[in-house]
Amino acid sequence: MKNIEDKGPVLYAGNRSPFATGMSVYHDSDVESPQRQSPRVVVRVQPKPLSVPILAVLDTAAPWCILKPLIGDMIMEDLAEIPGLVRLSSRLGTCEGRLFRGSLTLLAQEGESLDLDVTFFLSPHWRGGNFLGYEGALERARFAVDPRANLFYFGATG
């Protein structure tokens, strides 16, 4: 990680091109949930048009970004619905909902925040937390985790 022209941290790929241009500290658990959880990578994100950040578990096994019903209700009108019902199977069971296209920002504490076009799964029946999924979100970014320092690095795919 190096600072280049005061733009913040840059993590380089093998060919010396920027791999990641933003960095944030992540939490080991969802600090909004009182129950003890297994270690997780919980990052600050901001779904648009929400004006405040939320916490989301980085989950490379999640098919989409999944939002709590309250958050989904706040932004649903500004999203583009993908027609049809879908079923999400998780450790909490099966949940039926709808898919929406929208934007989400990975918030940098150092360097540059990153805007992504993402697919959200929204359901009034979802009982879990917020998740930053791989398909339709993380697959559109470069990212790395430093577990010793609790750092999450990210950048555009090129």
N, C-alpha and C. Protein backbone atom coordinates (compact mmCIF):
# COMPACT_ATOMS: atom_id res chain seq x y z
N MET A 1 0.84 -1.17 0.00
CA MET A 1 0.00 0.00 0.00
C MET A 1 0.88 1.23 0.00
N LYS A 2 0.67 2.13 -0.93
CA LYS A 2 1.46 3.35 -1.03
C LYS A 2 0.55 4.51 -1.33
N ASN A 3 0.96 5.69 -0.91
CA ASN A 3 0.23 6.90 -1.27
C ASN A 3 0.81 7.45 -2.57
N ILE A 4 -0.07 7.75 -3.52
CA ILE A 4 0.36 8.27 -4.82
C ILE A 4 -0.33 9.61 -5.01
N GLU A 5 0.43 10.66 -5.17
CA GLU A 5 -0.10 11.99 -5.48
C GLU A 5 -1.25 12.39 -4.55
N ASP A 6 -1.14 12.05 -3.27
CA ASP A 6 -2.14 12.40 -2.27
C ASP A 6 -3.54 11.88 -2.58
N LYS A 7 -3.67 10.83 -3.37
CA LYS A 7 -4.97 10.24 -3.67
C LYS A 7 -5.33 9.16 -2.66
N GLY A 8 -4.45 8.86 -1.73
CA GLY A 8 -4.74 7.85 -0.73
C GLY A 8 -4.03 6.55 -1.03
N PRO A 9 -4.45 5.48 -0.37
CA PRO A 9 -3.76 4.20 -0.50
C PRO A 9 -4.00 3.54 -1.85
N VAL A 10 -2.96 2.92 -2.37
CA VAL A 10 -3.07 2.15 -3.60
C VAL A 10 -2.38 0.82 -3.36
N LEU A 11 -3.07 -0.26 -3.62
CA LEU A 11 -2.52 -1.60 -3.56
C LEU A 11 -2.28 -2.01 -5.00
N TYR A 12 -1.07 -2.51 -5.30
CA TYR A 12 -0.70 -2.79 -6.68
C TYR A 12 -0.87 -4.25 -7.04
N ALA A 13 -1.27 -4.49 -8.28
CA ALA A 13 -1.32 -5.83 -8.85
C ALA A 13 0.09 -6.20 -9.31
N GLY A 14 0.27 -7.43 -9.73
CA GLY A 14 1.58 -7.91 -10.16
C GLY A 14 2.19 -7.10 -11.29
N ASN A 15 1.37 -6.52 -12.15
CA ASN A 15 1.90 -5.75 -13.28
C ASN A 15 2.07 -4.27 -12.93
N ARG A 16 2.02 -3.94 -11.66
CA ARG A 16 2.19 -2.58 -11.12
C ARG A 16 1.02 -1.65 -11.44
N SER A 17 -0.09 -2.19 -11.95
CA SER A 17 -1.29 -1.37 -12.11
C SER A 17 -2.05 -1.38 -10.78
N PRO A 18 -2.85 -0.34 -10.53
CA PRO A 18 -3.59 -0.30 -9.26
C PRO A 18 -4.57 -1.46 -9.14
N PHE A 19 -4.46 -2.21 -8.05
CA PHE A 19 -5.39 -3.29 -7.73
C PHE A 19 -6.53 -2.74 -6.91
N ALA A 20 -6.19 -1.94 -5.91
CA ALA A 20 -7.20 -1.34 -5.04
C ALA A 20 -6.82 0.11 -4.77
N THR A 21 -7.81 0.97 -4.79
CA THR A 21 -7.56 2.39 -4.56
C THR A 21 -8.32 2.91 -3.35
N GLY A 22 -9.05 2.03 -2.68
CA GLY A 22 -9.76 2.40 -1.47
C GLY A 22 -9.53 1.37 -0.39
N MET A 23 -9.64 1.81 0.86
CA MET A 23 -9.43 0.92 1.99
C MET A 23 -10.33 1.36 3.14
N SER A 24 -10.84 0.37 3.86
CA SER A 24 -11.60 0.67 5.08
C SER A 24 -11.32 -0.41 6.11
N VAL A 25 -11.51 -0.05 7.35
CA VAL A 25 -11.41 -1.01 8.45
C VAL A 25 -12.72 -1.77 8.50
N TYR A 26 -12.66 -3.07 8.70
CA TYR A 26 -13.90 -3.84 8.84
C TYR A 26 -14.04 -4.35 10.27
N HIS A 27 -15.30 -4.68 10.61
CA HIS A 27 -15.61 -5.25 11.92
C HIS A 27 -15.60 -6.77 11.81
N ASP A 28 -15.31 -7.44 12.93
CA ASP A 28 -15.31 -8.91 12.95
C ASP A 28 -16.71 -9.49 13.14
N SER A 29 -17.66 -8.65 13.53
CA SER A 29 -19.03 -9.10 13.71
C SER A 29 -19.95 -7.92 13.43
N ASP A 30 -21.21 -8.21 13.28
CA ASP A 30 -22.20 -7.16 13.03
C ASP A 30 -22.46 -6.46 14.36
N VAL A 31 -21.91 -5.27 14.51
CA VAL A 31 -22.01 -4.54 15.77
C VAL A 31 -23.43 -4.08 16.06
N GLU A 32 -24.32 -4.18 15.07
CA GLU A 32 -25.72 -3.82 15.27
C GLU A 32 -26.52 -4.97 15.86
N SER A 33 -25.97 -6.18 15.85
CA SER A 33 -26.66 -7.35 16.41
C SER A 33 -26.06 -7.70 17.76
N PRO A 34 -26.91 -7.83 18.78
CA PRO A 34 -26.40 -8.08 20.13
C PRO A 34 -25.88 -9.50 20.36
N GLN A 35 -26.36 -10.48 19.59
CA GLN A 35 -25.93 -11.86 19.82
C GLN A 35 -24.53 -12.10 19.29
N ARG A 36 -23.82 -13.00 19.92
CA ARG A 36 -22.45 -13.37 19.51
C ARG A 36 -22.51 -14.13 18.20
N GLN A 37 -21.64 -13.81 17.29
CA GLN A 37 -21.59 -14.45 15.98
C GLN A 37 -20.20 -14.98 15.72
N SER A 38 -20.12 -15.88 14.76
CA SER A 38 -18.79 -16.32 14.32
C SER A 38 -18.13 -15.15 13.60
N PRO A 39 -16.80 -15.14 13.51
CA PRO A 39 -16.11 -14.03 12.86
C PRO A 39 -16.61 -13.81 11.43
N ARG A 40 -16.75 -12.54 11.08
CA ARG A 40 -17.23 -12.14 9.76
C ARG A 40 -16.45 -10.93 9.30
N VAL A 41 -16.61 -10.59 8.04
CA VAL A 41 -16.06 -9.35 7.50
C VAL A 41 -17.26 -8.44 7.28
N VAL A 42 -17.42 -7.44 8.14
CA VAL A 42 -18.57 -6.54 8.09
C VAL A 42 -18.07 -5.15 7.69
N VAL A 43 -18.54 -4.69 6.52
CA VAL A 43 -18.04 -3.44 5.94
C VAL A 43 -19.14 -2.39 5.88
N ARG A 44 -18.71 -1.12 5.77
CA ARG A 44 -19.64 0.00 5.62
C ARG A 44 -19.91 0.21 4.13
N VAL A 45 -21.20 0.21 3.79
CA VAL A 45 -21.63 0.47 2.41
C VAL A 45 -22.77 1.48 2.46
N GLN A 46 -23.08 2.04 1.30
CA GLN A 46 -24.18 2.99 1.23
C GLN A 46 -25.01 2.74 -0.02
N PRO A 47 -26.14 2.02 0.15
CA PRO A 47 -27.04 1.85 -1.00
C PRO A 47 -27.63 3.19 -1.39
N LYS A 48 -27.73 3.45 -2.68
CA LYS A 48 -28.31 4.72 -3.13
C LYS A 48 -29.80 4.54 -3.29
N PRO A 49 -30.59 5.49 -2.88
CA PRO A 49 -30.30 6.87 -2.50
C PRO A 49 -30.19 7.08 -1.00
N LEU A 50 -29.96 6.05 -0.22
CA LEU A 50 -29.83 6.20 1.23
C LEU A 50 -28.76 7.24 1.54
N SER A 51 -29.01 8.09 2.52
CA SER A 51 -28.06 9.17 2.82
C SER A 51 -27.10 8.82 3.95
N VAL A 52 -27.24 7.64 4.51
CA VAL A 52 -26.35 7.21 5.59
C VAL A 52 -25.81 5.81 5.28
N PRO A 53 -24.62 5.50 5.78
CA PRO A 53 -24.07 4.16 5.54
C PRO A 53 -24.77 3.12 6.40
N ILE A 54 -24.67 1.88 5.95
CA ILE A 54 -25.14 0.72 6.72
C ILE A 54 -24.00 -0.27 6.79
N LEU A 55 -24.13 -1.25 7.66
CA LEU A 55 -23.16 -2.33 7.75
C LEU A 55 -23.69 -3.54 6.99
N ALA A 56 -22.80 -4.21 6.26
CA ALA A 56 -23.16 -5.41 5.50
C ALA A 56 -22.06 -6.44 5.63
N VAL A 57 -22.46 -7.69 5.77
CA VAL A 57 -21.51 -8.80 5.83
C VAL A 57 -21.04 -9.12 4.42
N LEU A 58 -19.73 -9.13 4.20
CA LEU A 58 -19.16 -9.52 2.92
C LEU A 58 -19.33 -11.03 2.80
N ASP A 59 -20.07 -11.48 1.79
CA ASP A 59 -20.39 -12.90 1.67
C ASP A 59 -20.22 -13.35 0.22
N THR A 60 -19.09 -14.00 -0.07
CA THR A 60 -18.83 -14.43 -1.44
C THR A 60 -19.72 -15.60 -1.86
N ALA A 61 -20.46 -16.19 -0.93
CA ALA A 61 -21.40 -17.26 -1.27
C ALA A 61 -22.80 -16.72 -1.51
N ALA A 62 -23.06 -15.47 -1.18
CA ALA A 62 -24.38 -14.89 -1.39
C ALA A 62 -24.58 -14.56 -2.86
N PRO A 63 -25.73 -14.92 -3.42
CA PRO A 63 -25.94 -14.66 -4.84
C PRO A 63 -26.17 -13.20 -5.18
N TRP A 64 -26.65 -12.40 -4.22
CA TRP A 64 -26.93 -10.98 -4.47
C TRP A 64 -26.65 -10.19 -3.21
N CYS A 65 -26.80 -8.89 -3.30
CA CYS A 65 -26.82 -8.06 -2.09
C CYS A 65 -28.19 -8.24 -1.46
N ILE A 66 -28.22 -8.49 -0.18
CA ILE A 66 -29.48 -8.72 0.53
C ILE A 66 -29.61 -7.64 1.59
N LEU A 67 -30.76 -7.00 1.61
CA LEU A 67 -30.98 -5.93 2.57
C LEU A 67 -32.12 -6.27 3.52
N LYS A 68 -31.99 -5.81 4.76
CA LYS A 68 -33.07 -5.94 5.73
C LYS A 68 -34.31 -5.27 5.16
N PRO A 69 -35.50 -5.77 5.49
CA PRO A 69 -36.73 -5.18 4.93
C PRO A 69 -36.86 -3.67 5.15
N LEU A 70 -36.49 -3.17 6.30
CA LEU A 70 -36.62 -1.73 6.57
C LEU A 70 -35.77 -0.91 5.60
N ILE A 71 -34.54 -1.36 5.34
CA ILE A 71 -33.65 -0.67 4.40
C ILE A 71 -34.21 -0.78 2.98
N GLY A 72 -34.63 -1.97 2.60
CA GLY A 72 -35.20 -2.17 1.27
C GLY A 72 -36.40 -1.28 1.02
N ASP A 73 -37.28 -1.16 2.03
CA ASP A 73 -38.45 -0.30 1.88
C ASP A 73 -38.06 1.15 1.65
N MET A 74 -36.96 1.60 2.26
CA MET A 74 -36.54 3.00 2.13
C MET A 74 -36.02 3.33 0.73
N ILE A 75 -35.46 2.35 0.02
CA ILE A 75 -34.84 2.65 -1.28
C ILE A 75 -35.56 2.03 -2.47
N MET A 76 -36.54 1.17 -2.23
CA MET A 76 -37.18 0.39 -3.30
C MET A 76 -37.70 1.26 -4.45
N GLU A 77 -38.28 2.40 -4.16
CA GLU A 77 -38.85 3.25 -5.21
C GLU A 77 -37.80 3.77 -6.18
N ASP A 78 -36.54 3.81 -5.76
CA ASP A 78 -35.47 4.33 -6.61
C ASP A 78 -34.71 3.23 -7.34
N LEU A 79 -35.17 2.01 -7.24
CA LEU A 79 -34.50 0.88 -7.88
C LEU A 79 -35.30 0.42 -9.09
N ALA A 80 -34.64 -0.29 -9.99
CA ALA A 80 -35.31 -0.87 -11.16
C ALA A 80 -35.60 -2.35 -10.87
N GLU A 81 -36.88 -2.69 -10.86
CA GLU A 81 -37.25 -4.08 -10.56
C GLU A 81 -36.97 -5.00 -11.73
N ILE A 82 -36.44 -6.18 -11.43
CA ILE A 82 -36.26 -7.25 -12.40
C ILE A 82 -37.49 -8.13 -12.25
N PRO A 83 -38.31 -8.28 -13.28
CA PRO A 83 -39.58 -9.00 -13.14
C PRO A 83 -39.42 -10.43 -12.64
N GLY A 84 -40.40 -10.87 -11.86
CA GLY A 84 -40.47 -12.25 -11.39
C GLY A 84 -40.05 -12.41 -9.94
N LEU A 85 -40.59 -13.44 -9.33
CA LEU A 85 -40.23 -13.80 -7.96
C LEU A 85 -39.03 -14.74 -7.99
N VAL A 86 -38.17 -14.64 -6.99
CA VAL A 86 -37.04 -15.56 -6.84
C VAL A 86 -37.06 -16.11 -5.42
N ARG A 87 -36.41 -17.25 -5.25
CA ARG A 87 -36.31 -17.86 -3.94
C ARG A 87 -34.85 -17.87 -3.53
N LEU A 88 -34.61 -17.40 -2.31
CA LEU A 88 -33.27 -17.38 -1.75
C LEU A 88 -33.18 -18.46 -0.69
N SER A 89 -32.21 -19.35 -0.83
CA SER A 89 -31.97 -20.40 0.15
C SER A 89 -30.76 -20.01 0.98
N SER A 90 -30.93 -19.93 2.30
CA SER A 90 -29.84 -19.56 3.19
C SER A 90 -29.89 -20.42 4.44
N ARG A 91 -28.96 -20.19 5.35
CA ARG A 91 -28.96 -20.95 6.61
C ARG A 91 -30.21 -20.67 7.43
N LEU A 92 -30.93 -19.58 7.09
CA LEU A 92 -32.17 -19.23 7.78
C LEU A 92 -33.39 -19.89 7.15
N GLY A 93 -33.17 -20.64 6.06
CA GLY A 93 -34.27 -21.27 5.33
C GLY A 93 -34.46 -20.63 3.97
N THR A 94 -35.61 -20.89 3.38
CA THR A 94 -35.92 -20.35 2.06
C THR A 94 -36.82 -19.13 2.21
N CYS A 95 -36.53 -18.12 1.41
CA CYS A 95 -37.27 -16.86 1.47
C CYS A 95 -37.57 -16.41 0.05
N GLU A 96 -38.82 -16.04 -0.21
CA GLU A 96 -39.21 -15.55 -1.52
C GLU A 96 -39.14 -14.03 -1.55
N GLY A 97 -38.66 -13.49 -2.66
CA GLY A 97 -38.54 -12.04 -2.78
C GLY A 97 -38.39 -11.63 -4.23
N ARG A 98 -37.96 -10.40 -4.43
CA ARG A 98 -37.79 -9.85 -5.77
C ARG A 98 -36.39 -9.28 -5.92
N LEU A 99 -35.92 -9.21 -7.16
CA LEU A 99 -34.61 -8.64 -7.46
C LEU A 99 -34.78 -7.24 -8.02
N PHE A 100 -33.83 -6.38 -7.68
CA PHE A 100 -33.83 -4.99 -8.13
C PHE A 100 -32.42 -4.60 -8.53
N ARG A 101 -32.29 -3.74 -9.53
CA ARG A 101 -31.00 -3.18 -9.92
C ARG A 101 -30.88 -1.80 -9.30
N GLY A 102 -29.68 -1.51 -8.81
CA GLY A 102 -29.44 -0.21 -8.21
C GLY A 102 -27.96 0.03 -8.03
N SER A 103 -27.64 1.01 -7.21
CA SER A 103 -26.24 1.39 -6.96
C SER A 103 -25.93 1.30 -5.48
N LEU A 104 -24.68 1.02 -5.23
CA LEU A 104 -24.18 0.91 -3.87
C LEU A 104 -22.75 1.42 -3.86
N THR A 105 -22.36 2.10 -2.80
CA THR A 105 -21.00 2.61 -2.68
C THR A 105 -20.25 1.86 -1.60
N LEU A 106 -19.06 1.35 -1.93
CA LEU A 106 -18.13 0.83 -0.93
C LEU A 106 -17.42 2.05 -0.38
N LEU A 107 -17.56 2.29 0.91
CA LEU A 107 -17.05 3.52 1.52
C LEU A 107 -15.61 3.37 1.97
N ALA A 108 -14.76 4.26 1.49
CA ALA A 108 -13.34 4.23 1.84
C ALA A 108 -13.08 5.15 3.03
N GLN A 109 -12.27 4.67 3.96
CA GLN A 109 -11.76 5.52 5.03
C GLN A 109 -10.46 6.18 4.59
N GLU A 110 -9.79 5.53 3.66
CA GLU A 110 -8.61 6.08 3.00
C GLU A 110 -8.74 5.78 1.52
N GLY A 111 -8.31 6.71 0.70
CA GLY A 111 -8.39 6.52 -0.74
C GLY A 111 -9.76 6.88 -1.27
N GLU A 112 -10.17 6.16 -2.32
CA GLU A 112 -11.39 6.50 -3.05
C GLU A 112 -12.49 5.48 -2.80
N SER A 113 -13.69 5.99 -2.47
CA SER A 113 -14.87 5.12 -2.39
C SER A 113 -15.18 4.61 -3.79
N LEU A 114 -15.92 3.51 -3.87
CA LEU A 114 -16.19 2.88 -5.16
C LEU A 114 -17.69 2.67 -5.34
N ASP A 115 -18.25 3.23 -6.43
CA ASP A 115 -19.65 3.03 -6.78
C ASP A 115 -19.77 1.77 -7.63
N LEU A 116 -20.76 0.93 -7.29
CA LEU A 116 -21.01 -0.30 -8.04
C LEU A 116 -22.46 -0.38 -8.44
N ASP A 117 -22.73 -0.90 -9.65
CA ASP A 117 -24.07 -1.30 -10.03
C ASP A 117 -24.27 -2.69 -9.44
N VAL A 118 -25.36 -2.88 -8.70
CA VAL A 118 -25.56 -4.14 -7.99
C VAL A 118 -26.97 -4.67 -8.20
N THR A 119 -27.14 -5.94 -7.86
CA THR A 119 -28.45 -6.57 -7.81
C THR A 119 -28.80 -6.78 -6.34
N PHE A 120 -29.96 -6.24 -5.93
CA PHE A 120 -30.44 -6.40 -4.56
C PHE A 120 -31.55 -7.45 -4.52
N PHE A 121 -31.54 -8.26 -3.49
CA PHE A 121 -32.66 -9.15 -3.16
C PHE A 121 -33.41 -8.47 -2.03
N LEU A 122 -34.70 -8.22 -2.25
CA LEU A 122 -35.53 -7.59 -1.23
C LEU A 122 -36.74 -8.46 -0.95
N SER A 123 -37.02 -8.64 0.33
CA SER A 123 -38.18 -9.43 0.74
C SER A 123 -38.66 -8.95 2.10
N PRO A 124 -39.97 -8.79 2.26
CA PRO A 124 -40.49 -8.43 3.58
C PRO A 124 -40.34 -9.57 4.58
N HIS A 125 -40.03 -10.76 4.09
CA HIS A 125 -39.92 -11.94 4.95
C HIS A 125 -38.48 -12.25 5.38
N TRP A 126 -37.51 -11.50 4.87
CA TRP A 126 -36.10 -11.75 5.21
C TRP A 126 -35.86 -11.46 6.69
N ARG A 127 -35.30 -12.43 7.42
CA ARG A 127 -35.05 -12.29 8.85
C ARG A 127 -33.58 -12.09 9.18
N GLY A 128 -32.73 -12.05 8.17
CA GLY A 128 -31.30 -11.90 8.40
C GLY A 128 -30.86 -10.45 8.31
N GLY A 129 -29.56 -10.27 8.25
CA GLY A 129 -28.98 -8.94 8.18
C GLY A 129 -28.77 -8.48 6.75
N ASN A 130 -27.92 -7.48 6.59
CA ASN A 130 -27.53 -6.97 5.28
C ASN A 130 -26.31 -7.75 4.80
N PHE A 131 -26.31 -8.13 3.53
CA PHE A 131 -25.19 -8.89 2.96
C PHE A 131 -24.74 -8.26 1.66
N LEU A 132 -23.44 -8.21 1.48
CA LEU A 132 -22.80 -7.76 0.25
C LEU A 132 -22.40 -9.02 -0.50
N GLY A 133 -23.19 -9.41 -1.50
CA GLY A 133 -23.00 -10.67 -2.20
C GLY A 133 -22.01 -10.60 -3.35
N TYR A 134 -21.61 -11.76 -3.80
CA TYR A 134 -20.64 -11.83 -4.89
C TYR A 134 -21.31 -11.58 -6.24
N GLU A 135 -22.31 -12.39 -6.57
CA GLU A 135 -22.97 -12.27 -7.87
C GLU A 135 -23.72 -10.94 -7.94
N GLY A 136 -23.48 -10.20 -8.96
CA GLY A 136 -24.18 -8.94 -9.12
C GLY A 136 -23.66 -7.82 -8.25
N ALA A 137 -22.50 -7.98 -7.61
CA ALA A 137 -21.91 -6.90 -6.80
C ALA A 137 -20.39 -7.06 -6.74
N LEU A 138 -19.91 -7.90 -5.83
CA LEU A 138 -18.47 -8.04 -5.64
C LEU A 138 -17.74 -8.53 -6.89
N GLU A 139 -18.45 -9.24 -7.76
CA GLU A 139 -17.81 -9.69 -9.01
C GLU A 139 -17.44 -8.51 -9.91
N ARG A 140 -17.95 -7.33 -9.57
CA ARG A 140 -17.68 -6.13 -10.35
C ARG A 140 -16.57 -5.26 -9.74
N ALA A 141 -15.86 -5.81 -8.76
CA ALA A 141 -14.79 -5.05 -8.09
C ALA A 141 -13.62 -5.97 -7.80
N ARG A 142 -12.47 -5.37 -7.62
CA ARG A 142 -11.32 -6.09 -7.06
C ARG A 142 -11.38 -5.86 -5.56
N PHE A 143 -11.07 -6.89 -4.79
CA PHE A 143 -11.07 -6.71 -3.35
C PHE A 143 -10.11 -7.69 -2.68
N ALA A 144 -9.63 -7.28 -1.53
CA ALA A 144 -8.72 -8.10 -0.74
C ALA A 144 -8.97 -7.79 0.73
N VAL A 145 -8.67 -8.76 1.57
CA VAL A 145 -8.87 -8.63 3.02
C VAL A 145 -7.54 -8.90 3.72
N ASP A 146 -7.19 -8.04 4.66
CA ASP A 146 -6.02 -8.25 5.52
C ASP A 146 -6.56 -8.58 6.91
N PRO A 147 -6.66 -9.87 7.26
CA PRO A 147 -7.27 -10.26 8.52
C PRO A 147 -6.47 -9.87 9.77
N ARG A 148 -5.18 -9.68 9.64
CA ARG A 148 -4.38 -9.27 10.81
C ARG A 148 -4.65 -7.84 11.21
N ALA A 149 -4.98 -6.99 10.23
CA ALA A 149 -5.20 -5.57 10.51
C ALA A 149 -6.67 -5.17 10.35
N ASN A 150 -7.55 -6.14 10.03
CA ASN A 150 -8.96 -5.86 9.78
C ASN A 150 -9.15 -4.78 8.71
N LEU A 151 -8.44 -4.95 7.58
CA LEU A 151 -8.53 -3.98 6.49
C LEU A 151 -9.16 -4.64 5.27
N PHE A 152 -10.05 -3.89 4.64
CA PHE A 152 -10.74 -4.30 3.42
C PHE A 152 -10.31 -3.35 2.31
N TYR A 153 -9.64 -3.89 1.29
CA TYR A 153 -9.15 -3.10 0.16
C TYR A 153 -10.07 -3.34 -1.04
N PHE A 154 -10.31 -2.32 -1.85
CA PHE A 154 -11.17 -2.48 -3.01
C PHE A 154 -10.82 -1.48 -4.10
N GLY A 155 -11.20 -1.83 -5.32
CA GLY A 155 -10.96 -0.95 -6.46
C GLY A 155 -11.74 -1.41 -7.67
N ALA A 156 -11.74 -0.60 -8.70
CA ALA A 156 -12.44 -0.93 -9.94
C ALA A 156 -11.73 -2.07 -10.66
N THR A 157 -12.48 -2.81 -11.45
CA THR A 157 -11.91 -3.95 -12.16
C THR A 157 -11.09 -3.57 -13.38
N GLY A 158 -11.08 -2.33 -13.73
CA GLY A 158 -10.22 -1.92 -14.82
C GLY A 158 -10.90 -1.29 -15.89
